[in-house]
Structures are given as C-alpha cells and as structure tokens.
PDB file of N, CA and C in Angstrom:
ATOM      1  N   MET A   1      99.141  78.647  96.209  1.00  0.00           N
ATOM      2  CA  MET A   1      97.743  79.580  96.004  1.00  0.00           C
ATOM      3  C   MET A   1      97.034  80.014  96.658  1.00  0.00           C
ATOM      4  N   SER A   2      96.167  80.343  96.466  1.00  0.00           N
ATOM      5  CA  SER A   2      95.412  81.766  97.483  1.00  0.00           C
ATOM      6  C   SER A   2      93.978  80.764  97.391  1.00  0.00           C
ATOM      7  N   SER A   3      93.632  80.693  98.717  1.00  0.00           N
ATOM      8  CA  SER A   3      92.118  80.735  98.159  1.00  0.00           C
ATOM      9  C   SER A   3      91.326  81.441  98.676  1.00  0.00           C
ATOM     10  N   SER A   4      89.917  81.108  98.286  1.00  0.00           N
ATOM     11  CA  SER A   4      88.769  82.057  98.038  1.00  0.00           C
ATOM     12  C   SER A   4      87.939  82.486  99.638  1.00  0.00           C
ATOM     13  N   LEU A   5      87.385  83.865  99.939  1.00  0.00           N
ATOM     14  CA  LEU A   5      86.684  84.142 100.981  1.00  0.00           C
ATOM     15  C   LEU A   5      85.395  83.679 100.095  1.00  0.00           C
ATOM     16  N   GLY A   6      84.443  82.836 100.836  1.00  0.00           N
ATOM     17  CA  GLY A   6      83.074  83.063 101.014  1.00  0.00           C
ATOM     18  C   GLY A   6      83.368  81.548  99.190  1.00  0.00           C
ATOM     19  N   PRO A   7      81.986  81.428  98.970  1.00  0.00           N
ATOM     20  CA  PRO A   7      81.070  80.544  98.329  1.00  0.00           C
ATOM     21  C   PRO A   7      81.374  80.529  96.599  1.00  0.00           C
ATOM     22  N   VAL A   8      81.521  79.897  95.633  1.00  0.00           N
ATOM     23  CA  VAL A   8      82.076  79.744  94.499  1.00  0.00           C
ATOM     24  C   VAL A   8      80.386  80.575  93.868  1.00  0.00           C
ATOM     25  N   GLU A   9      80.134  81.581  93.175  1.00  0.00           N
ATOM     26  CA  GLU A   9      79.353  82.397  92.936  1.00  0.00           C
ATOM     27  C   GLU A   9      79.385  82.473  91.143  1.00  0.00           C
ATOM     28  N   PRO A  10      78.274  82.480  90.266  1.00  0.00           N
ATOM     29  CA  PRO A  10      78.348  83.089  89.151  1.00  0.00           C
ATOM     30  C   PRO A  10      78.870  84.822  89.400  1.00  0.00           C
ATOM     31  N   GLY A  11      79.418  85.118  88.095  1.00  0.00           N
ATOM     32  CA  GLY A  11      80.167  86.321  87.576  1.00  0.00           C
ATOM     33  C   GLY A  11      81.591  86.762  88.743  1.00  0.00           C
ATOM     34  N   GLN A  12      81.613  85.692  89.227  1.00  0.00           N
ATOM     35  CA  GLN A  12      82.833  85.819  89.726  1.00  0.00           C
ATOM     36  C   GLN A  12      84.104  85.647  88.831  1.00  0.00           C
ATOM     37  N   ILE A  13      85.689  86.110  88.993  1.00  0.00           N
ATOM     38  CA  ILE A  13      86.367  86.164  88.101  1.00  0.00           C
ATOM     39  C   ILE A  13      87.338  85.560  88.910  1.00  0.00           C
ATOM     40  N   ARG A  14      87.874  84.263  88.635  1.00  0.00           N
ATOM     41  CA  ARG A  14      89.046  83.345  89.310  1.00  0.00           C
ATOM     42  C   ARG A  14      89.847  83.653  88.512  1.00  0.00           C
ATOM     43  N   ARG A  15      91.606  83.409  89.302  1.00  0.00           N
ATOM     44  CA  ARG A  15      92.521  83.455  88.855  1.00  0.00           C
ATOM     45  C   ARG A  15      93.555  82.118  89.352  1.00  0.00           C
ATOM     46  N   ASN A  16      94.212  81.266  88.329  1.00  0.00           N
ATOM     47  CA  ASN A  16      94.988  80.345  88.633  1.00  0.00           C
ATOM     48  C   ASN A  16      95.956  80.750  88.145  1.00  0.00           C
ATOM     49  N   ARG A  17      97.009  80.294  89.057  1.00  0.00           N
ATOM     50  CA  ARG A  17      98.422  80.778  88.738  1.00  0.00           C
ATOM     51  C   ARG A  17      99.209  79.120  88.737  1.00  0.00           C
ATOM     52  N   LEU A  18      99.818  78.844  88.065  1.00  0.00           N
ATOM     53  CA  LEU A  18     100.710  77.597  87.528  1.00  0.00           C
ATOM     54  C   LEU A  18     101.795  77.329  86.643  1.00  0.00           C
ATOM     55  N   LEU A  19     102.874  76.986  87.350  1.00  0.00           N
ATOM     56  CA  LEU A  19     103.854  76.808  86.312  1.00  0.00           C
ATOM     57  C   LEU A  19     104.547  78.184  85.721  1.00  0.00           C
ATOM     58  N   GLU A  20     104.138  79.382  86.501  1.00  0.00           N
ATOM     59  CA  GLU A  20     104.678  80.560  85.908  1.00  0.00           C
ATOM     60  C   GLU A  20     103.853  81.210  84.842  1.00  0.00           C
ATOM     61  N   THR A  21     102.371  80.374  84.669  1.00  0.00           N
ATOM     62  CA  THR A  21     101.569  81.017  83.898  1.00  0.00           C
ATOM     63  C   THR A  21     100.245  81.380  84.720  1.00  0.00           C
ATOM     64  N   GLU A  22      99.295  82.282  83.991  1.00  0.00           N
ATOM     65  CA  GLU A  22      98.294  82.651  84.819  1.00  0.00           C
ATOM     66  C   GLU A  22      97.187  82.654  83.648  1.00  0.00           C
ATOM     67  N   ALA A  23      95.813  81.698  84.704  1.00  0.00           N
ATOM     68  CA  ALA A  23      94.471  81.457  83.585  1.00  0.00           C
ATOM     69  C   ALA A  23      93.595  82.170  84.266  1.00  0.00           C
ATOM     70  N   VAL A  24      92.892  83.071  83.955  1.00  0.00           N
ATOM     71  CA  VAL A  24      92.120  83.778  84.398  1.00  0.00           C
ATOM     72  C   VAL A  24      90.284  83.299  83.563  1.00  0.00           C
ATOM     73  N   TYR A  25      89.552  82.860  84.630  1.00  0.00           N
ATOM     74  CA  TYR A  25      88.016  82.300  83.778  1.00  0.00           C
ATOM     75  C   TYR A  25      87.186  82.904  84.910  1.00  0.00           C
ATOM     76  N   ARG A  26      85.604  83.423  84.239  1.00  0.00           N
ATOM     77  CA  ARG A  26      84.503  83.913  84.524  1.00  0.00           C
ATOM     78  C   ARG A  26      83.446  82.707  85.022  1.00  0.00           C
ATOM     79  N   VAL A  27      83.241  82.684  86.464  1.00  0.00           N
ATOM     80  CA  VAL A  27      82.220  81.392  86.629  1.00  0.00           C
ATOM     81  C   VAL A  27      81.135  81.743  85.958  1.00  0.00           C
ATOM     82  N   VAL A  28      80.713  81.150  85.124  1.00  0.00           N
ATOM     83  CA  VAL A  28      79.232  80.853  84.651  1.00  0.00           C
ATOM     84  C   VAL A  28      78.109  80.670  85.227  1.00  0.00           C
ATOM     85  N   SER A  29      78.380  79.275  85.672  1.00  0.00           N
ATOM     86  CA  SER A  29      77.088  78.590  86.435  1.00  0.00           C
ATOM     87  C   SER A  29      77.464  77.648  87.374  1.00  0.00           C
ATOM     88  N   VAL A  30      76.983  77.373  89.031  1.00  0.00           N
ATOM     89  CA  VAL A  30      77.427  76.532  89.910  1.00  0.00           C
ATOM     90  C   VAL A  30      75.886  75.427  89.987  1.00  0.00           C
ATOM     91  N   ALA A  31      76.482  73.925  89.763  1.00  0.00           N
ATOM     92  CA  ALA A  31      75.240  73.221  89.798  1.00  0.00           C
ATOM     93  C   ALA A  31      75.863  72.117  90.576  1.00  0.00           C
ATOM     94  N   ASP A  32      75.421  72.048  91.932  1.00  0.00           N
ATOM     95  CA  ASP A  32      76.246  70.992  92.662  1.00  0.00           C
ATOM     96  C   ASP A  32      77.749  70.640  93.104  1.00  0.00           C
ATOM     97  N   ASP A  33      78.519  70.063  92.454  1.00  0.00           N
ATOM     98  CA  ASP A  33      79.665  70.182  92.819  1.00  0.00           C
ATOM     99  C   ASP A  33      81.050  70.529  91.228  1.00  0.00           C
ATOM    100  N   VAL A  34      79.602  70.611  90.431  1.00  0.00           N
ATOM    101  CA  VAL A  34      80.189  71.130  89.190  1.00  0.00           C
ATOM    102  C   VAL A  34      80.177  72.839  88.854  1.00  0.00           C
ATOM    103  N   VAL A  35      81.021  73.395  88.409  1.00  0.00           N
ATOM    104  CA  VAL A  35      81.622  75.046  88.176  1.00  0.00           C
ATOM    105  C   VAL A  35      81.373  74.741  86.889  1.00  0.00           C
ATOM    106  N   GLU A  36      80.597  75.562  85.861  1.00  0.00           N
ATOM    107  CA  GLU A  36      81.113  76.255  84.359  1.00  0.00           C
ATOM    108  C   GLU A  36      82.088  77.327  84.565  1.00  0.00           C
ATOM    109  N   VAL A  37      82.839  77.110  83.841  1.00  0.00           N
ATOM    110  CA  VAL A  37      83.284  78.395  83.723  1.00  0.00           C
ATOM    111  C   VAL A  37      83.935  78.697  81.923  1.00  0.00           C
ATOM    112  N   GLU A  38      84.241  80.302  81.864  1.00  0.00           N
ATOM    113  CA  GLU A  38      84.322  81.184  80.435  1.00  0.00           C
ATOM    114  C   GLU A  38      85.600  81.278  80.757  1.00  0.00           C
ATOM    115  N   VAL A  39      86.397  81.207  79.847  1.00  0.00           N
ATOM    116  CA  VAL A  39      88.257  81.483  80.057  1.00  0.00           C
ATOM    117  C   VAL A  39      88.235  82.991  79.366  1.00  0.00           C
ATOM    118  N   VAL A  40      88.708  83.889  80.133  1.00  0.00           N
ATOM    119  CA  VAL A  40      88.831  85.347  80.010  1.00  0.00           C
ATOM    120  C   VAL A  40      90.231  85.521  79.573  1.00  0.00           C
ATOM    121  N   ARG A  41      91.136  84.538  80.012  1.00  0.00           N
ATOM    122  CA  ARG A  41      92.307  85.172  79.308  1.00  0.00           C
ATOM    123  C   ARG A  41      93.448  83.640  79.549  1.00  0.00           C
ATOM    124  N   ALA A  42      94.177  83.089  79.074  1.00  0.00           N
ATOM    125  CA  ALA A  42      94.539  81.814  79.560  1.00  0.00           C
ATOM    126  C   ALA A  42      95.501  81.512  78.383  1.00  0.00           C
ATOM    127  N   PRO A  43      97.171  80.910  78.599  1.00  0.00           N
ATOM    128  CA  PRO A  43      97.881  80.576  77.254  1.00  0.00           C
ATOM    129  C   PRO A  43      97.407  79.488  76.975  1.00  0.00           C
ATOM    130  N   GLY A  44      96.999  79.529  75.522  1.00  0.00           N
ATOM    131  CA  GLY A  44      96.508  78.186  74.675  1.00  0.00           C
ATOM    132  C   GLY A  44      95.225  78.288  74.640  1.00  0.00           C
ATOM    133  N   LEU A  45      94.379  78.787  74.820  1.00  0.00           N
ATOM    134  CA  LEU A  45      92.891  78.706  74.995  1.00  0.00           C
ATOM    135  C   LEU A  45      92.548  80.225  74.489  1.00  0.00           C
ATOM    136  N   LYS A  46      91.287  79.372  73.929  1.00  0.00           N
ATOM    137  CA  LYS A  46      90.246  81.118  73.429  1.00  0.00           C
ATOM    138  C   LYS A  46      89.801  81.453  74.242  1.00  0.00           C
ATOM    139  N   GLU A  47      89.642  82.962  74.348  1.00  0.00           N
ATOM    140  CA  GLU A  47      88.739  83.406  75.252  1.00  0.00           C
ATOM    141  C   GLU A  47      87.352  83.108  74.893  1.00  0.00           C
ATOM    142  N   GLY A  48      86.561  82.655  76.407  1.00  0.00           N
ATOM    143  CA  GLY A  48      84.515  82.383  75.930  1.00  0.00           C
ATOM    144  C   GLY A  48      84.954  81.066  75.690  1.00  0.00           C
ATOM    145  N   GLN A  49      85.891  80.163  75.632  1.00  0.00           N
ATOM    146  CA  GLN A  49      85.725  78.691  75.927  1.00  0.00           C
ATOM    147  C   GLN A  49      85.370  78.495  77.191  1.00  0.00           C
ATOM    148  N   ARG A  50      84.580  77.639  77.206  1.00  0.00           N
ATOM    149  CA  ARG A  50      83.651  76.746  78.669  1.00  0.00           C
ATOM    150  C   ARG A  50      84.446  75.731  78.763  1.00  0.00           C
ATOM    151  N   PHE A  51      84.957  75.408  80.084  1.00  0.00           N
ATOM    152  CA  PHE A  51      85.122  73.992  80.625  1.00  0.00           C
ATOM    153  C   PHE A  51      84.314  74.081  81.991  1.00  0.00           C
ATOM    154  N   SER A  52      84.163  72.552  82.389  1.00  0.00           N
ATOM    155  CA  SER A  52      83.711  72.492  83.537  1.00  0.00           C
ATOM    156  C   SER A  52      84.611  71.993  85.162  1.00  0.00           C
ATOM    157  N   PHE A  53      84.498  71.942  86.040  1.00  0.00           N
ATOM    158  CA  PHE A  53      85.699  72.239  87.341  1.00  0.00           C
ATOM    159  C   PHE A  53      85.066  71.905  88.249  1.00  0.00           C
ATOM    160  N   THR A  54      85.292  70.795  89.212  1.00  0.00           N
ATOM    161  CA  THR A  54      84.719  70.590  90.566  1.00  0.00           C
ATOM    162  C   THR A  54      84.702  72.294  91.594  1.00  0.00           C
ATOM    163  N   GLN A  55      83.863  72.085  92.138  1.00  0.00           N
ATOM    164  CA  GLN A  55      83.994  73.266  92.734  1.00  0.00           C
ATOM    165  C   GLN A  55      84.860  73.597  93.848  1.00  0.00           C
ATOM    166  N   GLU A  56      85.401  72.515  93.920  1.00  0.00           N
ATOM    167  CA  GLU A  56      86.413  72.377  95.029  1.00  0.00           C
ATOM    168  C   GLU A  56      88.007  73.107  94.567  1.00  0.00           C
ATOM    169  N   ALA A  57      87.706  72.580  92.906  1.00  0.00           N
ATOM    170  CA  ALA A  57      88.836  73.125  92.259  1.00  0.00           C
ATOM    171  C   ALA A  57      88.641  75.017  91.731  1.00  0.00           C
ATOM    172  N   VAL A  58      87.532  75.275  91.619  1.00  0.00           N
ATOM    173  CA  VAL A  58      87.374  76.683  91.669  1.00  0.00           C
ATOM    174  C   VAL A  58      87.850  77.619  92.706  1.00  0.00           C
ATOM    175  N   ALA A  59      86.975  76.621  94.364  1.00  0.00           N
ATOM    176  CA  ALA A  59      87.338  77.620  95.020  1.00  0.00           C
ATOM    177  C   ALA A  59      88.873  77.627  95.590  1.00  0.00           C
ATOM    178  N   ALA A  60      89.658  76.888  95.125  1.00  0.00           N
ATOM    179  CA  ALA A  60      90.927  77.198  95.068  1.00  0.00           C
ATOM    180  C   ALA A  60      91.504  77.799  94.625  1.00  0.00           C
ATOM    181  N   MET A  61      90.945  78.419  93.256  1.00  0.00           N
ATOM    182  CA  MET A  61      91.571  79.869  92.585  1.00  0.00           C
ATOM    183  C   MET A  61      91.448  81.224  93.366  1.00  0.00           C
ATOM    184  N   GLU A  62      92.446  82.099  93.033  1.00  0.00           N
ATOM    185  CA  GLU A  62      91.958  83.329  93.896  1.00  0.00           C
ATOM    186  C   GLU A  62      90.553  83.876  92.870  1.00  0.00           C
ATOM    187  N   LEU A  63      90.243  84.739  93.830  1.00  0.00           N
ATOM    188  CA  LEU A  63      89.135  85.303  93.634  1.00  0.00           C
ATOM    189  C   LEU A  63      89.725  86.455  93.192  1.00  0.00           C
ATOM    190  N   ALA A  64      89.232  86.887  92.250  1.00  0.00           N
ATOM    191  CA  ALA A  64      90.096  88.289  91.675  1.00  0.00           C
ATOM    192  C   ALA A  64      89.264  89.665  91.454  1.00  0.00           C
ATOM    193  N   VAL A  65      87.647  88.905  91.367  1.00  0.00           N
ATOM    194  CA  VAL A  65      86.696  90.174  91.020  1.00  0.00           C
ATOM    195  C   VAL A  65      85.504  89.534  91.715  1.00  0.00           C
ATOM    196  N   VAL A  66      84.835  90.422  92.945  1.00  0.00           N
ATOM    197  CA  VAL A  66      83.274  90.192  93.445  1.00  0.00           C
ATOM    198  C   VAL A  66      82.343  90.714  92.767  1.00  0.00           C
ATOM    199  N   PRO A  67      81.679  89.962  92.312  1.00  0.00           N
ATOM    200  CA  PRO A  67      80.363  90.591  91.426  1.00  0.00           C
ATOM    201  C   PRO A  67      79.724  91.672  92.225  1.00  0.00           C
ATOM    202  N   GLU A  68      79.152  92.411  91.754  1.00  0.00           N
ATOM    203  CA  GLU A  68      78.393  93.888  92.156  1.00  0.00           C
ATOM    204  C   GLU A  68      77.535  93.761  93.267  1.00  0.00           C
ATOM    205  N   ALA A  69      76.709  92.368  92.721  1.00  0.00           N
ATOM    206  CA  ALA A  69      75.870  92.210  93.425  1.00  0.00           C
ATOM    207  C   ALA A  69      75.665  91.640  94.827  1.00  0.00           C
ATOM    208  N   THR A  70      77.483  91.082  95.158  1.00  0.00           N
ATOM    209  CA  THR A  70      77.337  90.491  96.316  1.00  0.00           C
ATOM    210  C   THR A  70      78.208  91.182  97.111  1.00  0.00           C
ATOM    211  N   GLN A  71      79.057  92.389  96.828  1.00  0.00           N
ATOM    212  CA  GLN A  71      79.859  93.232  97.297  1.00  0.00           C
ATOM    213  C   GLN A  71      78.923  94.024  98.271  1.00  0.00           C
ATOM    214  N   PRO A  72      79.915  93.916  99.475  1.00  0.00           N
ATOM    215  CA  PRO A  72      78.879  94.595 100.839  1.00  0.00           C
ATOM    216  C   PRO A  72      79.131  96.313 100.653  1.00  0.00           C
ATOM    217  N   THR A  73      77.734  96.866 101.083  1.00  0.00           N
ATOM    218  CA  THR A  73      77.493  98.144 100.724  1.00  0.00           C
ATOM    219  C   THR A  73      77.840  98.648 102.105  1.00  0.00           C
ATOM    220  N   GLY A  74      78.122 100.132 102.440  1.00  0.00           N
ATOM    221  CA  GLY A  74      78.001 101.070 103.031  1.00  0.00           C
ATOM    222  C   GLY A  74      78.974 101.838 103.732  1.00  0.00           C
TER     223      GLY A  74
END
C-alpha cells in the first residue's frame, strides 16, 4: 500500500486497494485523530455515504488527487 505525502486534508481523494478491490473516498473533515470521508466509489457502498476513520488509516491510503488550493504553483 502506498503512503501519502504530507498531511491528510479536506478535499483530498484517497484510494484504498485491498483484496483486488478499490475504494475511493473524499476527505470531508479532519478533527484530531478522526477523519470523516465520503464514498466516491466502493464495492457494496453507496456514493456519498460517510464514514469516520483514524487519521493513520486515511494517511496510509494512496493520495489520488491534491486539492487545487494545496497544489504548488509555478
């Protein structure tokens, strides 16, 4: 599993691959060690469903998209 670069931040898209399946989540909010995510797509889950994960678990997911506000300029 690929680790992310930098902190977990709202707006990021995180990808979790496990047992030949892929789940994609959007980070909604980060509070202390709890991260609320929204399902973008995942087998058996509805788009838009929300879940809470530990910050460590989300940080271990692959960072798929960096929000525009946090992308380097130049």
